[in-house]
Amino acid sequence: MIRKCASQINFILIALMLLIHPVSADDELDDYVNNQHEKIFSFLKENAEMLSENNRIDLIEKEFSGLISINEISKRVMGKKYFMSATEEQRKRFNNKFKETFFNTYSSALSNLEDQKIEVIGHAHPKDKPNAAIVRVRITSGEDSYDLNYQMIKKKNRWGVINIIFSGVNIVSIFKTQFSSLASEYQDDLDKVIDGWEISDIRQNS
C-alpha cells in the first residue's frame, strides 16, 4: 500500500494546510478553503527565495504549524492500541518524528505547487453530525486531476482536518501501515519503532 500510494502524498498534503482554521458559519466552508488557497499562493510568491532546500521546512512549520493538527494526525497514525500503551514521552517523541516526516513530505510538494489548481467541489455533513463534514476538493496538475475527500470535525468553533481520502486511499492508513509494519518488525517495542521511523521510509517510494 505504501509503495503504491506514497507518491500521491505530495498532492494530498498540498491542500492540507488550507483546512484547519476557525470558520464562523457552516456555509462559509467552501469559500473559506478557496480563500486559504489564494493566501498560500501569495505566501509562496512572497517567500520564494526563502523556500530553499535547507530552511523551507522550518519556514513552513513556523507559518503553518498553528493551522495543522499534527498532534491529532500523529495520534491516529499510532492507532489506539499503541497510543494508549505509549508513555507521554514516547507520544511526544513520535509526534516530533512524525512532524518532521510531515513537513519534509510537504516541502517536497512545494516545488510543483504553482503549477497546480485547487478547486472546492462542495461539502456535506454525515447524518446527525453537524460538527463533522466531508469536503470534496479537486487538484489539477497539468492534464491530470485528483479528487480528495477531507474528513473534518468542528471543536470550539474551529474546523480541522482529521483525515484525507485520496481516490479511495486513506492517508492516515498509509502512515499507520508504516507504523504498524515497524511495530511488527520490532515486536511492539515502541522506543525502537520511534527510533526506526525515518523520513526515507516514506520518501524513497515517492
N, C-alpha and C. Protein backbone atom coordinates (compact mmCIF):
# COMPACT_ATOMS: atom_id res chain seq x y z
N MET A 1 0.83 -1.21 0.00
CA MET A 1 0.00 0.00 0.00
C MET A 1 0.86 1.25 0.00
N ILE A 2 1.92 1.25 0.87
CA ILE A 2 2.78 2.43 0.95
C ILE A 2 3.51 2.65 -0.35
N ARG A 3 4.06 1.55 -0.90
CA ARG A 3 4.84 1.67 -2.13
C ARG A 3 3.99 2.21 -3.25
N LYS A 4 2.72 1.81 -3.32
CA LYS A 4 1.84 2.22 -4.40
C LYS A 4 1.34 3.63 -4.23
N CYS A 5 1.15 4.05 -2.97
CA CYS A 5 0.43 5.30 -2.74
C CYS A 5 1.28 6.45 -2.24
N ALA A 6 2.50 6.19 -1.79
CA ALA A 6 3.29 7.28 -1.21
C ALA A 6 3.57 8.39 -2.19
N SER A 7 3.65 8.07 -3.48
CA SER A 7 3.92 9.10 -4.48
C SER A 7 2.77 10.07 -4.61
N GLN A 8 1.59 9.68 -4.08
CA GLN A 8 0.42 10.55 -4.16
C GLN A 8 0.32 11.49 -2.97
N ILE A 9 1.15 11.26 -1.94
CA ILE A 9 1.04 12.05 -0.72
C ILE A 9 1.29 13.52 -0.99
N ASN A 10 2.22 13.82 -1.89
CA ASN A 10 2.53 15.22 -2.19
C ASN A 10 1.29 16.00 -2.57
N PHE A 11 0.46 15.42 -3.45
CA PHE A 11 -0.75 16.10 -3.89
C PHE A 11 -1.72 16.27 -2.72
N ILE A 12 -1.80 15.27 -1.86
CA ILE A 12 -2.71 15.32 -0.73
C ILE A 12 -2.30 16.43 0.24
N LEU A 13 -1.02 16.51 0.54
CA LEU A 13 -0.56 17.44 1.55
C LEU A 13 -0.57 18.89 1.09
N ILE A 14 -0.60 19.10 -0.21
CA ILE A 14 -0.63 20.46 -0.74
C ILE A 14 -1.78 21.25 -0.16
N ALA A 15 -2.95 20.62 -0.05
CA ALA A 15 -4.14 21.34 0.39
C ALA A 15 -4.43 21.20 1.87
N LEU A 16 -3.67 20.38 2.59
CA LEU A 16 -4.00 20.14 3.99
C LEU A 16 -3.98 21.40 4.82
N MET A 17 -2.99 22.28 4.60
CA MET A 17 -2.87 23.48 5.40
C MET A 17 -4.06 24.42 5.21
N LEU A 18 -4.84 24.21 4.17
CA LEU A 18 -5.96 25.10 3.89
C LEU A 18 -7.10 24.92 4.89
N LEU A 19 -7.17 23.77 5.53
CA LEU A 19 -8.43 23.35 6.10
C LEU A 19 -8.52 23.35 7.61
N ILE A 20 -7.56 23.94 8.31
CA ILE A 20 -7.65 23.99 9.75
C ILE A 20 -7.56 25.44 10.20
N HIS A 21 -8.71 25.97 10.59
CA HIS A 21 -8.79 27.38 10.96
C HIS A 21 -10.23 27.64 11.38
N PRO A 22 -10.46 28.59 12.30
CA PRO A 22 -11.83 28.89 12.68
C PRO A 22 -12.68 29.33 11.49
N VAL A 23 -13.92 28.87 11.45
CA VAL A 23 -14.87 29.27 10.42
C VAL A 23 -16.14 29.73 11.13
N SER A 24 -16.64 30.89 10.81
CA SER A 24 -17.73 31.47 11.57
C SER A 24 -19.07 30.82 11.30
N ALA A 25 -19.27 30.28 10.12
CA ALA A 25 -20.55 29.66 9.79
C ALA A 25 -20.32 28.50 8.85
N ASP A 26 -21.21 27.51 8.93
CA ASP A 26 -21.04 26.30 8.13
C ASP A 26 -21.03 26.58 6.64
N ASP A 27 -21.90 27.51 6.18
CA ASP A 27 -21.99 27.76 4.75
C ASP A 27 -20.79 28.53 4.22
N GLU A 28 -19.84 28.83 5.07
CA GLU A 28 -18.64 29.53 4.62
C GLU A 28 -17.49 28.57 4.33
N LEU A 29 -17.69 27.29 4.55
CA LEU A 29 -16.59 26.33 4.39
C LEU A 29 -15.96 26.37 3.01
N ASP A 30 -16.78 26.31 1.98
CA ASP A 30 -16.25 26.27 0.62
C ASP A 30 -15.48 27.54 0.28
N ASP A 31 -16.09 28.70 0.58
CA ASP A 31 -15.41 29.96 0.30
C ASP A 31 -14.14 30.10 1.12
N TYR A 32 -14.20 29.62 2.34
CA TYR A 32 -13.03 29.70 3.21
C TYR A 32 -11.85 28.94 2.62
N VAL A 33 -12.08 27.72 2.16
CA VAL A 33 -11.00 26.91 1.60
C VAL A 33 -10.42 27.57 0.36
N ASN A 34 -11.29 28.11 -0.48
CA ASN A 34 -10.80 28.81 -1.67
C ASN A 34 -9.95 30.03 -1.30
N ASN A 35 -10.39 30.77 -0.29
CA ASN A 35 -9.64 31.94 0.14
C ASN A 35 -8.27 31.56 0.70
N GLN A 36 -8.23 30.46 1.46
CA GLN A 36 -6.96 30.00 2.00
C GLN A 36 -6.01 29.57 0.89
N HIS A 37 -6.59 29.02 -0.17
CA HIS A 37 -5.79 28.63 -1.32
C HIS A 37 -5.07 29.85 -1.91
N GLU A 38 -5.78 30.95 -2.04
CA GLU A 38 -5.19 32.18 -2.57
C GLU A 38 -4.09 32.71 -1.65
N LYS A 39 -4.31 32.59 -0.34
CA LYS A 39 -3.30 33.06 0.62
C LYS A 39 -2.02 32.25 0.52
N ILE A 40 -2.17 30.96 0.28
CA ILE A 40 -1.00 30.10 0.17
C ILE A 40 -0.14 30.50 -1.02
N PHE A 41 -0.79 30.74 -2.16
CA PHE A 41 -0.03 31.14 -3.34
C PHE A 41 0.66 32.47 -3.11
N SER A 42 0.00 33.38 -2.40
CA SER A 42 0.63 34.66 -2.09
C SER A 42 1.85 34.46 -1.21
N PHE A 43 1.72 33.58 -0.23
CA PHE A 43 2.84 33.29 0.66
C PHE A 43 4.02 32.72 -0.13
N LEU A 44 3.74 31.77 -1.01
CA LEU A 44 4.81 31.15 -1.80
C LEU A 44 5.51 32.16 -2.69
N LYS A 45 4.70 33.05 -3.29
CA LYS A 45 5.27 34.04 -4.19
C LYS A 45 6.15 35.02 -3.43
N GLU A 46 5.69 35.45 -2.27
CA GLU A 46 6.43 36.43 -1.49
C GLU A 46 7.67 35.85 -0.83
N ASN A 47 7.68 34.53 -0.63
CA ASN A 47 8.79 33.90 0.08
C ASN A 47 9.53 32.89 -0.76
N ALA A 48 9.46 33.03 -2.07
CA ALA A 48 10.06 32.04 -2.97
C ALA A 48 11.54 31.83 -2.69
N GLU A 49 12.28 32.92 -2.47
CA GLU A 49 13.72 32.79 -2.26
C GLU A 49 14.04 32.17 -0.91
N MET A 50 13.14 32.29 0.04
CA MET A 50 13.38 31.74 1.37
C MET A 50 13.11 30.25 1.43
N LEU A 51 12.34 29.75 0.47
CA LEU A 51 11.98 28.33 0.48
C LEU A 51 13.09 27.50 -0.16
N SER A 52 14.27 27.59 0.42
CA SER A 52 15.40 26.83 -0.08
C SER A 52 15.38 25.43 0.50
N GLU A 53 16.21 24.58 -0.03
CA GLU A 53 16.27 23.19 0.43
C GLU A 53 16.61 23.10 1.91
N ASN A 54 17.42 24.04 2.39
CA ASN A 54 17.92 23.95 3.75
C ASN A 54 16.98 24.51 4.81
N ASN A 55 16.16 25.48 4.46
CA ASN A 55 15.38 26.11 5.51
C ASN A 55 13.88 26.08 5.28
N ARG A 56 13.41 25.48 4.20
CA ARG A 56 11.98 25.59 3.90
C ARG A 56 11.12 24.85 4.92
N ILE A 57 11.63 23.75 5.50
CA ILE A 57 10.83 23.02 6.47
C ILE A 57 10.58 23.87 7.70
N ASP A 58 11.63 24.52 8.20
CA ASP A 58 11.48 25.39 9.37
C ASP A 58 10.52 26.53 9.07
N LEU A 59 10.62 27.08 7.88
CA LEU A 59 9.75 28.19 7.50
C LEU A 59 8.30 27.75 7.42
N ILE A 60 8.06 26.60 6.80
CA ILE A 60 6.70 26.09 6.68
C ILE A 60 6.11 25.80 8.05
N GLU A 61 6.90 25.16 8.90
CA GLU A 61 6.41 24.83 10.24
C GLU A 61 6.06 26.10 11.00
N LYS A 62 6.91 27.10 10.89
CA LYS A 62 6.66 28.36 11.59
C LYS A 62 5.38 29.02 11.12
N GLU A 63 5.13 28.96 9.81
CA GLU A 63 3.97 29.64 9.25
C GLU A 63 2.67 28.86 9.43
N PHE A 64 2.75 27.53 9.41
CA PHE A 64 1.52 26.75 9.33
C PHE A 64 1.29 25.74 10.45
N SER A 65 2.23 25.61 11.38
CA SER A 65 2.04 24.60 12.43
C SER A 65 0.82 24.91 13.29
N GLY A 66 0.46 26.19 13.40
CA GLY A 66 -0.73 26.54 14.16
C GLY A 66 -2.02 26.16 13.46
N LEU A 67 -1.95 25.89 12.16
CA LEU A 67 -3.14 25.56 11.39
C LEU A 67 -3.33 24.06 11.23
N ILE A 68 -2.24 23.29 11.34
CA ILE A 68 -2.29 21.86 11.06
C ILE A 68 -2.26 21.08 12.36
N SER A 69 -3.22 20.21 12.56
CA SER A 69 -3.33 19.45 13.80
C SER A 69 -2.42 18.23 13.77
N ILE A 70 -1.13 18.48 13.86
CA ILE A 70 -0.16 17.39 13.82
C ILE A 70 -0.38 16.41 14.96
N ASN A 71 -0.73 16.91 16.14
CA ASN A 71 -0.96 16.02 17.28
C ASN A 71 -2.07 15.03 17.00
N GLU A 72 -3.18 15.52 16.44
CA GLU A 72 -4.31 14.64 16.14
C GLU A 72 -3.95 13.63 15.06
N ILE A 73 -3.23 14.08 14.06
CA ILE A 73 -2.88 13.19 12.95
C ILE A 73 -1.90 12.12 13.43
N SER A 74 -0.88 12.52 14.18
CA SER A 74 0.11 11.54 14.64
C SER A 74 -0.52 10.53 15.60
N LYS A 75 -1.50 10.98 16.39
CA LYS A 75 -2.20 10.06 17.29
C LYS A 75 -2.95 8.99 16.51
N ARG A 76 -3.57 9.39 15.41
CA ARG A 76 -4.29 8.44 14.57
C ARG A 76 -3.32 7.51 13.82
N VAL A 77 -2.15 8.02 13.51
CA VAL A 77 -1.14 7.19 12.84
C VAL A 77 -0.66 6.09 13.79
N MET A 78 -0.46 6.42 15.05
CA MET A 78 -0.07 5.42 16.04
C MET A 78 -1.17 4.38 16.23
N GLY A 79 -2.41 4.83 16.17
CA GLY A 79 -3.53 3.93 16.43
C GLY A 79 -3.81 3.84 17.92
N LYS A 80 -5.04 3.49 18.26
CA LYS A 80 -5.47 3.48 19.66
C LYS A 80 -4.62 2.56 20.52
N LYS A 81 -4.32 1.36 20.01
CA LYS A 81 -3.55 0.38 20.79
C LYS A 81 -2.21 0.93 21.22
N TYR A 82 -1.45 1.46 20.29
CA TYR A 82 -0.11 1.93 20.61
C TYR A 82 -0.12 3.28 21.30
N PHE A 83 -1.08 4.11 20.95
CA PHE A 83 -1.16 5.42 21.61
C PHE A 83 -1.47 5.26 23.09
N MET A 84 -2.41 4.35 23.41
CA MET A 84 -2.79 4.15 24.81
C MET A 84 -1.68 3.49 25.62
N SER A 85 -0.90 2.65 24.98
CA SER A 85 0.17 1.95 25.71
C SER A 85 1.46 2.78 25.78
N ALA A 86 1.56 3.81 24.96
CA ALA A 86 2.77 4.63 24.95
C ALA A 86 2.82 5.56 26.16
N THR A 87 4.02 5.84 26.61
CA THR A 87 4.19 6.83 27.67
C THR A 87 4.06 8.22 27.07
N GLU A 88 3.92 9.20 27.93
CA GLU A 88 3.81 10.58 27.45
C GLU A 88 5.06 10.98 26.66
N GLU A 89 6.21 10.52 27.14
CA GLU A 89 7.46 10.83 26.46
C GLU A 89 7.52 10.17 25.09
N GLN A 90 7.04 8.94 24.99
CA GLN A 90 7.03 8.24 23.70
C GLN A 90 6.07 8.93 22.72
N ARG A 91 4.93 9.36 23.22
CA ARG A 91 3.99 10.08 22.36
C ARG A 91 4.62 11.37 21.84
N LYS A 92 5.31 12.06 22.72
CA LYS A 92 5.96 13.32 22.33
C LYS A 92 7.05 13.06 21.31
N ARG A 93 7.85 12.02 21.53
CA ARG A 93 8.94 11.71 20.61
C ARG A 93 8.42 11.34 19.23
N PHE A 94 7.35 10.51 19.21
CA PHE A 94 6.82 10.14 17.90
C PHE A 94 6.19 11.34 17.21
N ASN A 95 5.50 12.16 17.97
CA ASN A 95 4.88 13.35 17.38
C ASN A 95 5.93 14.23 16.72
N ASN A 96 7.08 14.38 17.37
CA ASN A 96 8.17 15.17 16.79
C ASN A 96 8.72 14.52 15.54
N LYS A 97 8.86 13.19 15.58
CA LYS A 97 9.34 12.47 14.40
C LYS A 97 8.35 12.59 13.25
N PHE A 98 7.07 12.39 13.57
CA PHE A 98 6.06 12.44 12.53
C PHE A 98 5.94 13.84 11.96
N LYS A 99 6.06 14.83 12.82
CA LYS A 99 6.01 16.22 12.36
C LYS A 99 7.10 16.48 11.33
N GLU A 100 8.29 15.94 11.60
CA GLU A 100 9.39 16.10 10.65
C GLU A 100 9.06 15.40 9.34
N THR A 101 8.50 14.19 9.44
CA THR A 101 8.08 13.46 8.24
C THR A 101 7.07 14.26 7.45
N PHE A 102 6.08 14.79 8.15
CA PHE A 102 5.00 15.53 7.50
C PHE A 102 5.53 16.74 6.76
N PHE A 103 6.34 17.56 7.43
CA PHE A 103 6.81 18.78 6.80
C PHE A 103 7.85 18.52 5.72
N ASN A 104 8.63 17.46 5.86
CA ASN A 104 9.55 17.10 4.78
C ASN A 104 8.77 16.66 3.55
N THR A 105 7.75 15.84 3.76
CA THR A 105 6.93 15.39 2.64
C THR A 105 6.21 16.57 2.00
N TYR A 106 5.71 17.46 2.86
CA TYR A 106 5.01 18.64 2.34
C TYR A 106 5.95 19.53 1.55
N SER A 107 7.15 19.75 2.08
CA SER A 107 8.08 20.65 1.40
C SER A 107 8.46 20.13 0.02
N SER A 108 8.49 18.80 -0.14
CA SER A 108 8.83 18.24 -1.44
C SER A 108 7.77 18.55 -2.48
N ALA A 109 6.55 18.88 -2.02
CA ALA A 109 5.47 19.21 -2.94
C ALA A 109 5.49 20.67 -3.36
N LEU A 110 6.20 21.51 -2.61
CA LEU A 110 6.17 22.94 -2.87
C LEU A 110 6.73 23.31 -4.24
N SER A 111 7.71 22.55 -4.71
CA SER A 111 8.33 22.91 -5.98
C SER A 111 7.35 22.86 -7.14
N ASN A 112 6.28 22.09 -7.00
CA ASN A 112 5.29 21.97 -8.07
C ASN A 112 3.98 22.68 -7.76
N LEU A 113 3.91 23.32 -6.62
CA LEU A 113 2.65 23.89 -6.16
C LEU A 113 2.09 24.93 -7.11
N GLU A 114 2.94 25.78 -7.68
CA GLU A 114 2.46 26.87 -8.51
C GLU A 114 1.84 26.38 -9.81
N ASP A 115 2.11 25.14 -10.18
CA ASP A 115 1.55 24.60 -11.41
C ASP A 115 0.22 23.90 -11.18
N GLN A 116 -0.27 23.95 -9.95
CA GLN A 116 -1.47 23.21 -9.62
C GLN A 116 -2.63 24.14 -9.27
N LYS A 117 -3.82 23.63 -9.50
CA LYS A 117 -5.04 24.36 -9.21
C LYS A 117 -5.87 23.54 -8.23
N ILE A 118 -6.37 24.21 -7.18
CA ILE A 118 -7.20 23.54 -6.20
C ILE A 118 -8.60 24.12 -6.26
N GLU A 119 -9.58 23.25 -6.42
CA GLU A 119 -10.98 23.69 -6.55
C GLU A 119 -11.85 22.95 -5.54
N VAL A 120 -12.62 23.69 -4.76
CA VAL A 120 -13.55 23.09 -3.82
C VAL A 120 -14.84 22.74 -4.55
N ILE A 121 -15.19 21.46 -4.51
CA ILE A 121 -16.40 20.99 -5.19
C ILE A 121 -17.64 21.19 -4.33
N GLY A 122 -17.49 21.01 -3.03
CA GLY A 122 -18.61 21.15 -2.11
C GLY A 122 -18.35 20.36 -0.84
N HIS A 123 -19.31 20.42 0.10
CA HIS A 123 -19.16 19.65 1.32
C HIS A 123 -20.50 19.14 1.80
N ALA A 124 -20.47 18.12 2.65
CA ALA A 124 -21.68 17.53 3.20
C ALA A 124 -21.41 17.11 4.64
N HIS A 125 -22.50 16.95 5.40
CA HIS A 125 -22.39 16.53 6.79
C HIS A 125 -22.93 15.12 6.95
N PRO A 126 -22.20 14.25 7.66
CA PRO A 126 -22.75 12.93 7.98
C PRO A 126 -24.04 13.10 8.77
N LYS A 127 -24.93 12.13 8.67
CA LYS A 127 -26.23 12.20 9.33
C LYS A 127 -26.08 12.41 10.83
N ASP A 128 -26.82 13.39 11.35
CA ASP A 128 -26.86 13.69 12.78
C ASP A 128 -25.50 14.12 13.34
N LYS A 129 -24.63 14.63 12.48
CA LYS A 129 -23.32 15.08 12.94
C LYS A 129 -23.01 16.45 12.35
N PRO A 130 -23.65 17.51 12.89
CA PRO A 130 -23.44 18.85 12.33
C PRO A 130 -22.02 19.36 12.53
N ASN A 131 -21.30 18.80 13.49
CA ASN A 131 -19.93 19.24 13.73
C ASN A 131 -18.91 18.37 13.01
N ALA A 132 -19.37 17.63 12.03
CA ALA A 132 -18.48 16.85 11.17
C ALA A 132 -18.82 17.17 9.73
N ALA A 133 -17.84 17.13 8.87
CA ALA A 133 -18.08 17.45 7.46
C ALA A 133 -17.08 16.71 6.58
N ILE A 134 -17.52 16.44 5.36
CA ILE A 134 -16.64 15.89 4.34
C ILE A 134 -16.57 16.92 3.22
N VAL A 135 -15.39 17.44 2.98
CA VAL A 135 -15.18 18.47 1.96
C VAL A 135 -14.53 17.84 0.74
N ARG A 136 -15.15 18.03 -0.41
CA ARG A 136 -14.61 17.49 -1.66
C ARG A 136 -13.76 18.55 -2.35
N VAL A 137 -12.54 18.17 -2.69
CA VAL A 137 -11.59 19.07 -3.33
C VAL A 137 -11.01 18.39 -4.56
N ARG A 138 -10.80 19.15 -5.61
CA ARG A 138 -10.17 18.62 -6.82
C ARG A 138 -8.86 19.37 -7.07
N ILE A 139 -7.79 18.62 -7.23
CA ILE A 139 -6.48 19.19 -7.55
C ILE A 139 -6.15 18.88 -9.00
N THR A 140 -5.85 19.92 -9.77
CA THR A 140 -5.48 19.76 -11.18
C THR A 140 -4.02 20.13 -11.35
N SER A 141 -3.27 19.24 -11.98
CA SER A 141 -1.86 19.47 -12.26
C SER A 141 -1.61 19.11 -13.71
N GLY A 142 -1.45 20.12 -14.55
CA GLY A 142 -1.31 19.87 -15.97
C GLY A 142 -2.60 19.28 -16.53
N GLU A 143 -2.49 18.12 -17.15
CA GLU A 143 -3.67 17.45 -17.70
C GLU A 143 -4.28 16.45 -16.72
N ASP A 144 -3.67 16.29 -15.56
CA ASP A 144 -4.15 15.32 -14.58
C ASP A 144 -4.98 16.01 -13.50
N SER A 145 -5.98 15.31 -12.98
CA SER A 145 -6.78 15.83 -11.87
C SER A 145 -6.96 14.73 -10.82
N TYR A 146 -7.06 15.16 -9.57
CA TYR A 146 -7.16 14.24 -8.45
C TYR A 146 -8.28 14.70 -7.53
N ASP A 147 -9.18 13.79 -7.16
CA ASP A 147 -10.27 14.11 -6.25
C ASP A 147 -9.91 13.71 -4.83
N LEU A 148 -10.12 14.62 -3.90
CA LEU A 148 -9.83 14.39 -2.50
C LEU A 148 -11.08 14.56 -1.66
N ASN A 149 -11.20 13.78 -0.60
CA ASN A 149 -12.23 13.98 0.41
C ASN A 149 -11.54 14.28 1.73
N TYR A 150 -11.88 15.42 2.32
CA TYR A 150 -11.31 15.80 3.60
C TYR A 150 -12.33 15.55 4.70
N GLN A 151 -11.98 14.72 5.66
CA GLN A 151 -12.84 14.49 6.81
C GLN A 151 -12.49 15.53 7.87
N MET A 152 -13.50 16.31 8.26
CA MET A 152 -13.25 17.41 9.18
C MET A 152 -14.18 17.33 10.38
N ILE A 153 -13.73 17.86 11.50
CA ILE A 153 -14.58 18.00 12.68
C ILE A 153 -14.45 19.43 13.20
N LYS A 154 -15.47 19.85 13.91
CA LYS A 154 -15.50 21.20 14.46
C LYS A 154 -15.47 21.12 15.98
N LYS A 155 -14.45 21.72 16.57
CA LYS A 155 -14.32 21.78 18.02
C LYS A 155 -14.02 23.22 18.43
N LYS A 156 -14.78 23.71 19.40
CA LYS A 156 -14.60 25.08 19.89
C LYS A 156 -14.60 26.08 18.74
N ASN A 157 -15.59 25.95 17.88
CA ASN A 157 -15.77 26.83 16.73
C ASN A 157 -14.58 26.79 15.77
N ARG A 158 -13.92 25.65 15.71
CA ARG A 158 -12.73 25.51 14.87
C ARG A 158 -12.85 24.24 14.04
N TRP A 159 -12.84 24.40 12.71
CA TRP A 159 -12.87 23.25 11.81
C TRP A 159 -11.45 22.76 11.58
N GLY A 160 -11.28 21.45 11.60
CA GLY A 160 -9.96 20.90 11.37
C GLY A 160 -10.01 19.56 10.67
N VAL A 161 -9.01 19.31 9.85
CA VAL A 161 -8.90 18.03 9.14
C VAL A 161 -8.43 16.95 10.10
N ILE A 162 -9.11 15.80 10.07
CA ILE A 162 -8.67 14.65 10.86
C ILE A 162 -8.27 13.49 9.95
N ASN A 163 -8.60 13.57 8.68
CA ASN A 163 -8.21 12.52 7.75
C ASN A 163 -8.43 12.99 6.32
N ILE A 164 -7.77 12.32 5.38
CA ILE A 164 -7.90 12.65 3.97
C ILE A 164 -8.05 11.36 3.18
N ILE A 165 -9.00 11.34 2.26
CA ILE A 165 -9.18 10.21 1.36
C ILE A 165 -8.83 10.66 -0.05
N PHE A 166 -7.85 10.02 -0.65
CA PHE A 166 -7.38 10.38 -1.98
C PHE A 166 -7.71 9.25 -2.94
N SER A 167 -8.68 9.48 -3.83
CA SER A 167 -9.08 8.46 -4.80
C SER A 167 -9.29 7.11 -4.12
N GLY A 168 -9.94 7.13 -2.97
CA GLY A 168 -10.22 5.91 -2.23
C GLY A 168 -9.11 5.47 -1.30
N VAL A 169 -7.99 6.19 -1.30
CA VAL A 169 -6.85 5.84 -0.46
C VAL A 169 -6.86 6.70 0.80
N ASN A 170 -6.79 6.06 1.95
CA ASN A 170 -6.84 6.74 3.24
C ASN A 170 -5.43 7.17 3.65
N ILE A 171 -5.20 8.49 3.73
CA ILE A 171 -3.86 9.00 4.01
C ILE A 171 -3.37 8.59 5.38
N VAL A 172 -4.25 8.60 6.39
CA VAL A 172 -3.83 8.18 7.72
C VAL A 172 -3.43 6.71 7.71
N SER A 173 -4.17 5.92 6.93
CA SER A 173 -3.85 4.49 6.86
C SER A 173 -2.48 4.24 6.24
N ILE A 174 -2.07 5.10 5.31
CA ILE A 174 -0.75 4.95 4.71
C ILE A 174 0.33 5.05 5.78
N PHE A 175 0.27 6.12 6.57
CA PHE A 175 1.25 6.29 7.63
C PHE A 175 1.06 5.27 8.74
N LYS A 176 -0.21 4.92 9.02
CA LYS A 176 -0.48 3.94 10.07
C LYS A 176 0.08 2.57 9.69
N THR A 177 -0.01 2.22 8.41
CA THR A 177 0.57 0.97 7.94
C THR A 177 2.07 0.96 8.14
N GLN A 178 2.69 2.10 7.87
CA GLN A 178 4.13 2.24 8.10
C GLN A 178 4.45 2.00 9.57
N PHE A 179 3.66 2.60 10.45
CA PHE A 179 3.89 2.45 11.89
C PHE A 179 3.68 1.01 12.33
N SER A 180 2.59 0.39 11.87
CA SER A 180 2.28 -0.99 12.24
C SER A 180 3.35 -1.95 11.74
N SER A 181 3.88 -1.68 10.56
CA SER A 181 4.93 -2.52 10.00
C SER A 181 6.18 -2.47 10.88
N LEU A 182 6.52 -1.28 11.34
CA LEU A 182 7.67 -1.15 12.23
C LEU A 182 7.39 -1.80 13.58
N ALA A 183 6.16 -1.67 14.07
CA ALA A 183 5.80 -2.29 15.35
C ALA A 183 5.93 -3.81 15.27
N SER A 184 5.54 -4.37 14.14
CA SER A 184 5.68 -5.81 13.94
C SER A 184 7.15 -6.20 13.86
N GLU A 185 7.91 -5.40 13.14
CA GLU A 185 9.34 -5.68 12.98
C GLU A 185 10.08 -5.65 14.31
N TYR A 186 9.69 -4.71 15.18
CA TYR A 186 10.38 -4.55 16.46
C TYR A 186 9.59 -5.14 17.63
N GLN A 187 8.62 -6.01 17.33
CA GLN A 187 7.86 -6.74 18.35
C GLN A 187 7.25 -5.80 19.38
N ASP A 188 6.62 -4.75 18.90
CA ASP A 188 5.88 -3.78 19.71
C ASP A 188 6.76 -2.99 20.69
N ASP A 189 8.05 -2.97 20.45
CA ASP A 189 8.93 -2.13 21.25
C ASP A 189 8.83 -0.71 20.71
N LEU A 190 8.05 0.13 21.39
CA LEU A 190 7.75 1.46 20.87
C LEU A 190 8.97 2.35 20.75
N ASP A 191 9.92 2.20 21.64
CA ASP A 191 11.13 3.01 21.52
C ASP A 191 11.87 2.70 20.23
N LYS A 192 11.95 1.41 19.88
CA LYS A 192 12.61 1.02 18.64
C LYS A 192 11.79 1.45 17.42
N VAL A 193 10.46 1.37 17.56
CA VAL A 193 9.58 1.81 16.46
C VAL A 193 9.80 3.28 16.17
N ILE A 194 9.82 4.08 17.22
CA ILE A 194 10.00 5.52 17.05
C ILE A 194 11.39 5.83 16.51
N ASP A 195 12.39 5.14 17.04
CA ASP A 195 13.75 5.34 16.54
C ASP A 195 13.87 4.93 15.07
N GLY A 196 13.09 3.92 14.69
CA GLY A 196 13.16 3.40 13.32
C GLY A 196 12.33 4.16 12.32
N TRP A 197 11.52 5.10 12.81
CA TRP A 197 10.68 5.90 11.91
C TRP A 197 11.56 6.91 11.19
N GLU A 198 11.80 6.67 9.93
CA GLU A 198 12.68 7.54 9.16
C GLU A 198 11.92 8.17 8.00
N ILE A 199 12.29 9.39 7.67
CA ILE A 199 11.68 10.10 6.55
C ILE A 199 11.88 9.34 5.26
N SER A 200 13.04 8.71 5.12
CA SER A 200 13.35 7.99 3.89
C SER A 200 12.37 6.86 3.64
N ASP A 201 11.79 6.29 4.72
CA ASP A 201 10.85 5.20 4.55
C ASP A 201 9.63 5.65 3.76
N ILE A 202 9.28 6.93 3.92
CA ILE A 202 8.13 7.47 3.21
C ILE A 202 8.53 8.02 1.85
N ARG A 203 9.66 8.75 1.80
CA ARG A 203 10.02 9.50 0.60
C ARG A 203 10.67 8.65 -0.48
N GLN A 204 11.29 7.50 -0.09
CA GLN A 204 12.02 6.74 -1.08
C GLN A 204 11.12 6.16 -2.15
N ASN A 205 9.83 6.03 -1.85
CA ASN A 205 8.89 5.47 -2.80
C ASN A 205 8.07 6.52 -3.50
N SER A 206 8.35 7.82 -3.23
CA SER A 206 7.56 8.89 -3.82
C SER A 206 8.08 9.25 -5.19
